[in-house]
C-alpha atoms as a PDB file:
ATOM      1  CA  UNK A   1     127.550 113.499  86.565  1.00  0.00           C
ATOM      2  CA  UNK A   2     128.343 115.542  83.483  1.00  0.00           C
ATOM      3  CA  UNK A   3     126.826 112.812  81.268  1.00  0.00           C
ATOM      4  CA  UNK A   4     123.608 112.858  83.305  1.00  0.00           C
ATOM      5  CA  UNK A   5     123.247 116.605  82.856  1.00  0.00           C
ATOM      6  CA  UNK A   6     123.873 116.332  79.126  1.00  0.00           C
ATOM      7  CA  UNK A   7     121.314 113.529  78.842  1.00  0.00           C
ATOM      8  CA  UNK A   8     118.721 115.577  80.742  1.00  0.00           C
ATOM      9  CA  UNK A   9     119.333 118.579  78.489  1.00  0.00           C
ATOM     10  CA  UNK A  10     119.055 116.391  75.375  1.00  0.00           C
ATOM     11  CA  UNK A  11     115.738 114.922  76.534  1.00  0.00           C
ATOM     12  CA  UNK A  12     114.412 118.393  77.340  1.00  0.00           C
ATOM     13  CA  UNK A  13     115.391 119.678  73.874  1.00  0.00           C
ATOM     14  CA  UNK A  14     113.749 116.693  72.160  1.00  0.00           C
ATOM     15  CA  UNK A  15     110.584 117.212  74.205  1.00  0.00           C
ATOM     16  CA  UNK A  16     110.483 120.933  73.417  1.00  0.00           C
ATOM     17  CA  UNK A  17     110.962 120.225  69.726  1.00  0.00           C
ATOM     18  CA  UNK A  18     107.933 117.929  69.802  1.00  0.00           C
ATOM     19  CA  UNK A  19     109.808 114.837  68.663  1.00  0.00           C
ATOM     20  CA  UNK A  20     108.684 112.586  71.504  1.00  0.00           C
ATOM     21  CA  UNK A  21     105.859 110.169  70.610  1.00  0.00           C
ATOM     22  CA  UNK A  22     103.340 111.789  72.950  1.00  0.00           C
ATOM     23  CA  UNK A  23      99.824 112.705  71.914  1.00  0.00           C
ATOM     24  CA  UNK A  24      98.844 116.092  73.275  1.00  0.00           C
ATOM     25  CA  UNK A  25      95.403 116.075  74.882  1.00  0.00           C
ATOM     26  CA  UNK A  26      93.062 118.938  75.415  1.00  0.00           C
ATOM     27  CA  UNK A  27      92.001 118.959  79.060  1.00  0.00           C
ATOM     28  CA  UNK A  28      88.456 119.802  77.955  1.00  0.00           C
ATOM     29  CA  UNK A  29      88.243 116.386  76.249  1.00  0.00           C
ATOM     30  CA  UNK A  30      88.954 114.476  79.485  1.00  0.00           C
ATOM     31  CA  UNK A  31      85.932 112.784  81.037  1.00  0.00           C
ATOM     32  CA  UNK A  32      86.836 111.857  84.622  1.00  0.00           C
ATOM     33  CA  UNK A  33      85.205 108.667  85.893  1.00  0.00           C
ATOM     34  CA  UNK A  34      84.531 108.648  89.633  1.00  0.00           C
ATOM     35  CA  UNK A  35      82.263 105.622  90.088  1.00  0.00           C
ATOM     36  CA  UNK A  36      82.125 102.419  88.026  1.00  0.00           C
ATOM     37  CA  UNK A  37      79.058 100.190  88.409  1.00  0.00           C
ATOM     38  CA  UNK A  38      79.265  96.698  86.907  1.00  0.00           C
ATOM     39  CA  UNK A  39      76.056  94.756  86.274  1.00  0.00           C
ATOM     40  CA  UNK A  40      75.137  91.729  84.170  1.00  0.00           C
ATOM     41  CA  UNK A  41      72.161  91.020  81.913  1.00  0.00           C
ATOM     42  CA  UNK A  42      71.666  88.330  79.299  1.00  0.00           C
ATOM     43  CA  UNK A  43      75.258  87.127  79.500  1.00  0.00           C
ATOM     44  CA  UNK A  44      76.754  90.600  78.965  1.00  0.00           C
ATOM     45  CA  UNK A  45      78.529  92.831  81.456  1.00  0.00           C
ATOM     46  CA  UNK A  46      77.364  96.434  81.566  1.00  0.00           C
ATOM     47  CA  UNK A  47      79.664  99.126  82.894  1.00  0.00           C
ATOM     48  CA  UNK A  48      78.157 102.450  84.012  1.00  0.00           C
ATOM     49  CA  UNK A  49      80.664 105.262  84.514  1.00  0.00           C
ATOM     50  CA  UNK A  50      78.118 108.039  85.026  1.00  0.00           C
ATOM     51  CA  UNK A  51      77.793 111.153  82.892  1.00  0.00           C
ATOM     52  CA  UNK A  52      76.503 109.066  79.963  1.00  0.00           C
ATOM     53  CA  UNK A  53      79.640 106.895  79.948  1.00  0.00           C
ATOM     54  CA  UNK A  54      78.692 103.259  79.462  1.00  0.00           C
ATOM     55  CA  UNK A  55      80.166 100.111  77.990  1.00  0.00           C
ATOM     56  CA  UNK A  56      79.276  96.484  77.524  1.00  0.00           C
ATOM     57  CA  UNK A  57      81.070  93.253  76.750  1.00  0.00           C
ATOM     58  CA  UNK A  58      81.531  89.624  77.689  1.00  0.00           C
ATOM     59  CA  UNK A  59      84.418  90.489  80.045  1.00  0.00           C
ATOM     60  CA  UNK A  60      85.547  93.409  82.184  1.00  0.00           C
ATOM     61  CA  UNK A  61      88.197  94.341  79.597  1.00  0.00           C
ATOM     62  CA  UNK A  62      85.648  94.313  76.737  1.00  0.00           C
ATOM     63  CA  UNK A  63      83.211  96.482  78.717  1.00  0.00           C
ATOM     64  CA  UNK A  64      85.979  98.972  79.587  1.00  0.00           C
ATOM     65  CA  UNK A  65      87.153  99.072  75.963  1.00  0.00           C
ATOM     66  CA  UNK A  66      83.578  99.665  74.766  1.00  0.00           C
ATOM     67  CA  UNK A  67      83.170 102.500  77.286  1.00  0.00           C
ATOM     68  CA  UNK A  68      86.412 104.082  76.050  1.00  0.00           C
ATOM     69  CA  UNK A  69      85.471 103.697  72.376  1.00  0.00           C
ATOM     70  CA  UNK A  70      81.947 105.128  72.762  1.00  0.00           C
ATOM     71  CA  UNK A  71      82.879 108.008  75.087  1.00  0.00           C
ATOM     72  CA  UNK A  72      82.377 111.477  73.574  1.00  0.00           C
ATOM     73  CA  UNK A  73      85.878 112.373  74.785  1.00  0.00           C
ATOM     74  CA  UNK A  74      88.712 110.672  76.632  1.00  0.00           C
ATOM     75  CA  UNK A  75      87.470 108.546  79.552  1.00  0.00           C
ATOM     76  CA  UNK A  76      89.923 109.221  82.386  1.00  0.00           C
ATOM     77  CA  UNK A  77      90.162 106.274  84.813  1.00  0.00           C
ATOM     78  CA  UNK A  78      92.804 107.763  87.139  1.00  0.00           C
ATOM     79  CA  UNK A  79      89.951 109.376  89.075  1.00  0.00           C
ATOM     80  CA  UNK A  80      87.948 106.189  89.800  1.00  0.00           C
ATOM     81  CA  UNK A  81      87.314 106.221  93.546  1.00  0.00           C
ATOM     82  CA  UNK A  82      84.547 103.591  93.808  1.00  0.00           C
ATOM     83  CA  UNK A  83      83.744 100.304  92.054  1.00  0.00           C
ATOM     84  CA  UNK A  84      80.370  98.657  92.617  1.00  0.00           C
ATOM     85  CA  UNK A  85      79.846  95.008  91.647  1.00  0.00           C
ATOM     86  CA  UNK A  86      76.113  94.306  91.301  1.00  0.00           C
ATOM     87  CA  UNK A  87      74.453  90.893  91.311  1.00  0.00           C
ATOM     88  CA  UNK A  88      76.777  88.028  90.456  1.00  0.00           C
ATOM     89  CA  UNK A  89      79.409  90.253  88.837  1.00  0.00           C
ATOM     90  CA  UNK A  90      81.661  89.668  91.853  1.00  0.00           C
ATOM     91  CA  UNK A  91      82.664  86.512  89.963  1.00  0.00           C
ATOM     92  CA  UNK A  92      84.579  88.869  87.626  1.00  0.00           C
ATOM     93  CA  UNK A  93      86.538  90.362  90.528  1.00  0.00           C
ATOM     94  CA  UNK A  94      89.796  88.773  89.333  1.00  0.00           C
ATOM     95  CA  UNK A  95      89.518  90.753  86.080  1.00  0.00           C
ATOM     96  CA  UNK A  96      88.923  93.969  88.013  1.00  0.00           C
ATOM     97  CA  UNK A  97      91.894  93.278  90.295  1.00  0.00           C
ATOM     98  CA  UNK A  98      94.170  92.809  87.287  1.00  0.00           C
ATOM     99  CA  UNK A  99      93.162  96.099  85.627  1.00  0.00           C
ATOM    100  CA  UNK A 100      96.234  98.305  86.117  1.00  0.00           C
ATOM    101  CA  UNK A 101      94.363 101.419  84.951  1.00  0.00           C
ATOM    102  CA  UNK A 102      92.491 101.507  88.271  1.00  0.00           C
ATOM    103  CA  UNK A 103      93.829 103.185  91.397  1.00  0.00           C
ATOM    104  CA  UNK A 104      94.740 100.767  94.223  1.00  0.00           C
ATOM    105  CA  UNK A 105      92.922 103.126  96.622  1.00  0.00           C
ATOM    106  CA  UNK A 106      89.586 102.710  94.803  1.00  0.00           C
ATOM    107  CA  UNK A 107      86.942 101.358  97.168  1.00  0.00           C
ATOM    108  CA  UNK A 108      84.986  98.231  96.190  1.00  0.00           C
ATOM    109  CA  UNK A 109      81.371  97.386  97.094  1.00  0.00           C
ATOM    110  CA  UNK A 110      78.708  94.770  96.445  1.00  0.00           C
ATOM    111  CA  UNK A 111      75.756  96.600  94.930  1.00  0.00           C
ATOM    112  CA  UNK A 112      72.184  95.669  95.799  1.00  0.00           C
ATOM    113  CA  UNK A 113      69.179  97.228  94.130  1.00  0.00           C
ATOM    114  CA  UNK A 114      69.302  99.648  91.208  1.00  0.00           C
ATOM    115  CA  UNK A 115      72.717 101.240  91.809  1.00  0.00           C
ATOM    116  CA  UNK A 116      73.568 103.956  89.259  1.00  0.00           C
ATOM    117  CA  UNK A 117      76.949 105.672  89.006  1.00  0.00           C
ATOM    118  CA  UNK A 118      75.593 109.222  88.923  1.00  0.00           C
ATOM    119  CA  UNK A 119      73.372 108.933  91.987  1.00  0.00           C
ATOM    120  CA  UNK A 120      75.821 106.722  93.915  1.00  0.00           C
ATOM    121  CA  UNK A 121      78.657 109.237  93.422  1.00  0.00           C
ATOM    122  CA  UNK A 122      77.006 111.851  95.626  1.00  0.00           C
ATOM    123  CA  UNK A 123      76.366 109.340  98.415  1.00  0.00           C
ATOM    124  CA  UNK A 124      79.819 107.761  98.217  1.00  0.00           C
ATOM    125  CA  UNK A 125      81.464 111.189  98.410  1.00  0.00           C
ATOM    126  CA  UNK A 126      80.510 111.265 102.099  1.00  0.00           C
ATOM    127  CA  UNK A 127      80.132 107.560 102.929  1.00  0.00           C
ATOM    128  CA  UNK A 128      83.098 105.371 102.043  1.00  0.00           C
ATOM    129  CA  UNK A 129      83.582 101.652 102.231  1.00  0.00           C
ATOM    130  CA  UNK A 130      86.390 100.021 104.158  1.00  0.00           C
ATOM    131  CA  UNK A 131      87.749  97.743 101.390  1.00  0.00           C
ATOM    132  CA  UNK A 132      90.064  98.980  98.646  1.00  0.00           C
ATOM    133  CA  UNK A 133      91.375  97.323  95.505  1.00  0.00           C
ATOM    134  CA  UNK A 134      94.746  97.095  97.225  1.00  0.00           C
ATOM    135  CA  UNK A 135      93.155  95.253 100.187  1.00  0.00           C
ATOM    136  CA  UNK A 136      91.510  92.811  97.793  1.00  0.00           C
ATOM    137  CA  UNK A 137      94.693  92.284  95.763  1.00  0.00           C
ATOM    138  CA  UNK A 138      96.597  91.451  98.958  1.00  0.00           C
ATOM    139  CA  UNK A 139      93.854  89.080 100.117  1.00  0.00           C
ATOM    140  CA  UNK A 140      93.806  87.418  96.686  1.00  0.00           C
ATOM    141  CA  UNK A 141      97.556  86.792  96.822  1.00  0.00           C
ATOM    142  CA  UNK A 142      97.326  85.466 100.376  1.00  0.00           C
ATOM    143  CA  UNK A 143      94.247  83.380  99.514  1.00  0.00           C
ATOM    144  CA  UNK A 144      92.218  85.086 102.238  1.00  0.00           C
ATOM    145  CA  UNK A 145      88.490  85.691 102.085  1.00  0.00           C
ATOM    146  CA  UNK A 146      87.305  89.294 102.242  1.00  0.00           C
ATOM    147  CA  UNK A 147      83.721  90.414 102.708  1.00  0.00           C
ATOM    148  CA  UNK A 148      82.849  93.427 100.584  1.00  0.00           C
ATOM    149  CA  UNK A 149      80.601  96.058 102.138  1.00  0.00           C
ATOM    150  CA  UNK A 150      77.103  96.082 100.648  1.00  0.00           C
ATOM    151  CA  UNK A 151      75.910  99.282  99.004  1.00  0.00           C
ATOM    152  CA  UNK A 152      72.129  99.044  98.959  1.00  0.00           C
ATOM    153  CA  UNK A 153      69.781 101.192  96.904  1.00  0.00           C
ATOM    154  CA  UNK A 154      66.074 101.342  97.736  1.00  0.00           C
ATOM    155  CA  UNK A 155      63.664 103.980  96.446  1.00  0.00           C
ATOM    156  CA  UNK A 156      66.525 106.179  95.247  1.00  0.00           C
ATOM    157  CA  UNK A 157      68.237 106.182  98.650  1.00  0.00           C
ATOM    158  CA  UNK A 158      71.559 104.517  99.446  1.00  0.00           C
ATOM    159  CA  UNK A 159      72.861 102.762 102.510  1.00  0.00           C
ATOM    160  CA  UNK A 160      76.341 101.404 103.152  1.00  0.00           C
ATOM    161  CA  UNK A 161      77.220  98.929 105.875  1.00  0.00           C
ATOM    162  CA  UNK A 162      80.891  98.480 106.774  1.00  0.00           C
ATOM    163  CA  UNK A 163      81.726  95.451 108.879  1.00  0.00           C
ATOM    164  CA  UNK A 164      84.861  96.850 110.365  1.00  0.00           C
END
């Protein structure tokens, strides 16, 4: 017990002295991402994070990396609550499921129409889907089929249909 206390004190002293390899971040530089919309055009994936956060690449990881690199601050993915897969981007679902930066509680949708992260965020704040990343990861491991709820945009208005 005495060794544990001494170790805790030593770690605290090292942290206070600033010797730990941690980069301090200014909270004002954090850009929280609430909704991620993935679409595909001309063989490239486009990732819309709202608030002028966007990335592109040939894979999910490349699009995320591009979004991070071009962000005017630090893109903060711990706040992602909704992921919308538009068109045929659902074929990249395995890449999304393996992204450990995303919260397991993030809800996943199939987007139809011109879904944009900024406008979808307001709608999804009050209307939530019934499938989460965690649900999809479990289904993937169990080789079960899951139907994602469609999030439809028409004339700037959204509609979500949950099947259960």
